[in-house]
Amino acid sequence: MQRDDFMKLKLKFAQTDVAGKIAIYTETPGLSTAQYKELLRMYPIEKLEELEAVLAKL
């Protein structure tokens, strides 16, 4: 994903609830490994099991 688009996505990710974060993380096409890692660093660690559960179903 292009840098400008990713910056907009990061802002949206930061402002949304956990369900929104999960949706962005799992449904956004074209992210690089580095971009996934950057989003993961912004994800609330105490809710990691919810993200893992969704990822396990993919």
C-alpha atoms as a PDB file:
ATOM      1  CA  MET A   1       0.000   0.000   0.000  1.00  0.00           C
ATOM      2  CA  GLN A   2       1.256   3.465  -0.835  1.00  0.00           C
ATOM      3  CA  ARG A   3       2.613   5.537   2.054  1.00  0.00           C
ATOM      4  CA  ASP A   4      -0.073   8.257   1.913  1.00  0.00           C
ATOM      5  CA  ASP A   5      -2.865   5.694   1.832  1.00  0.00           C
ATOM      6  CA  PHE A   6      -1.278   3.810   4.703  1.00  0.00           C
ATOM      7  CA  MET A   7      -1.004   6.970   6.794  1.00  0.00           C
ATOM      8  CA  LYS A   8      -4.759   7.542   6.329  1.00  0.00           C
ATOM      9  CA  LEU A   9      -5.421   3.918   7.228  1.00  0.00           C
ATOM     10  CA  LYS A  10      -3.273   4.240  10.365  1.00  0.00           C
ATOM     11  CA  LEU A  11      -5.269   7.261  11.474  1.00  0.00           C
ATOM     12  CA  LYS A  12      -8.526   5.386  10.930  1.00  0.00           C
ATOM     13  CA  PHE A  13      -7.078   2.377  12.775  1.00  0.00           C
ATOM     14  CA  ALA A  14      -6.067   4.546  15.729  1.00  0.00           C
ATOM     15  CA  GLN A  15      -9.513   6.111  15.995  1.00  0.00           C
ATOM     16  CA  THR A  16     -11.688   3.012  15.690  1.00  0.00           C
ATOM     17  CA  ASP A  17     -12.790   0.465  18.269  1.00  0.00           C
ATOM     18  CA  VAL A  18     -11.360  -3.041  18.600  1.00  0.00           C
ATOM     19  CA  ALA A  19     -13.854  -4.548  16.140  1.00  0.00           C
ATOM     20  CA  GLY A  20     -12.891  -1.886  13.611  1.00  0.00           C
ATOM     21  CA  LYS A  21      -9.200  -2.526  14.187  1.00  0.00           C
ATOM     22  CA  ILE A  22      -9.735  -6.238  13.591  1.00  0.00           C
ATOM     23  CA  ALA A  23     -11.666  -5.526  10.396  1.00  0.00           C
ATOM     24  CA  ILE A  24      -8.980  -3.192   9.090  1.00  0.00           C
ATOM     25  CA  TYR A  25      -6.201  -5.628  10.000  1.00  0.00           C
ATOM     26  CA  THR A  26      -7.867  -8.641   8.414  1.00  0.00           C
ATOM     27  CA  GLU A  27      -9.691  -7.123   5.445  1.00  0.00           C
ATOM     28  CA  THR A  28      -7.325  -4.510   4.007  1.00  0.00           C
ATOM     29  CA  PRO A  29      -5.650  -5.787   0.835  1.00  0.00           C
ATOM     30  CA  GLY A  30      -2.155  -4.852  -0.243  1.00  0.00           C
ATOM     31  CA  LEU A  31      -0.472  -4.281   3.106  1.00  0.00           C
ATOM     32  CA  SER A  32       3.205  -5.118   3.369  1.00  0.00           C
ATOM     33  CA  THR A  33       4.637  -7.134   6.234  1.00  0.00           C
ATOM     34  CA  ALA A  34       6.086  -3.936   7.700  1.00  0.00           C
ATOM     35  CA  GLN A  35       2.684  -2.250   7.524  1.00  0.00           C
ATOM     36  CA  TYR A  36       0.989  -5.187   9.257  1.00  0.00           C
ATOM     37  CA  LYS A  37       3.626  -5.005  11.986  1.00  0.00           C
ATOM     38  CA  GLU A  38       3.081  -1.278  12.399  1.00  0.00           C
ATOM     39  CA  LEU A  39      -0.662  -1.765  12.835  1.00  0.00           C
ATOM     40  CA  LEU A  40      -0.064  -4.607  15.259  1.00  0.00           C
ATOM     41  CA  ARG A  41       2.080  -2.318  17.425  1.00  0.00           C
ATOM     42  CA  MET A  42      -0.938  -0.003  17.665  1.00  0.00           C
ATOM     43  CA  TYR A  43      -3.328  -2.812  18.612  1.00  0.00           C
ATOM     44  CA  PRO A  44      -4.293  -3.091  22.313  1.00  0.00           C
ATOM     45  CA  ILE A  45      -2.296  -6.013  23.694  1.00  0.00           C
ATOM     46  CA  GLU A  46      -5.041  -6.978  26.146  1.00  0.00           C
ATOM     47  CA  LYS A  47      -7.353  -7.676  23.175  1.00  0.00           C
ATOM     48  CA  LEU A  48      -4.853  -9.764  21.219  1.00  0.00           C
ATOM     49  CA  GLU A  49      -6.815 -12.991  21.723  1.00  0.00           C
ATOM     50  CA  GLU A  50      -9.746 -11.507  19.793  1.00  0.00           C
ATOM     51  CA  LEU A  51      -7.515 -10.744  16.819  1.00  0.00           C
ATOM     52  CA  GLU A  52      -5.894 -14.175  16.999  1.00  0.00           C
ATOM     53  CA  ALA A  53      -9.318 -15.856  16.988  1.00  0.00           C
ATOM     54  CA  VAL A  54     -10.350 -14.022  13.826  1.00  0.00           C
ATOM     55  CA  LEU A  55      -7.023 -14.713  12.130  1.00  0.00           C
ATOM     56  CA  ALA A  56      -7.311 -18.415  12.968  1.00  0.00           C
ATOM     57  CA  LYS A  57     -10.589 -18.568  11.027  1.00  0.00           C
ATOM     58  CA  LEU A  58      -9.072 -17.098   7.856  1.00  0.00           C
END
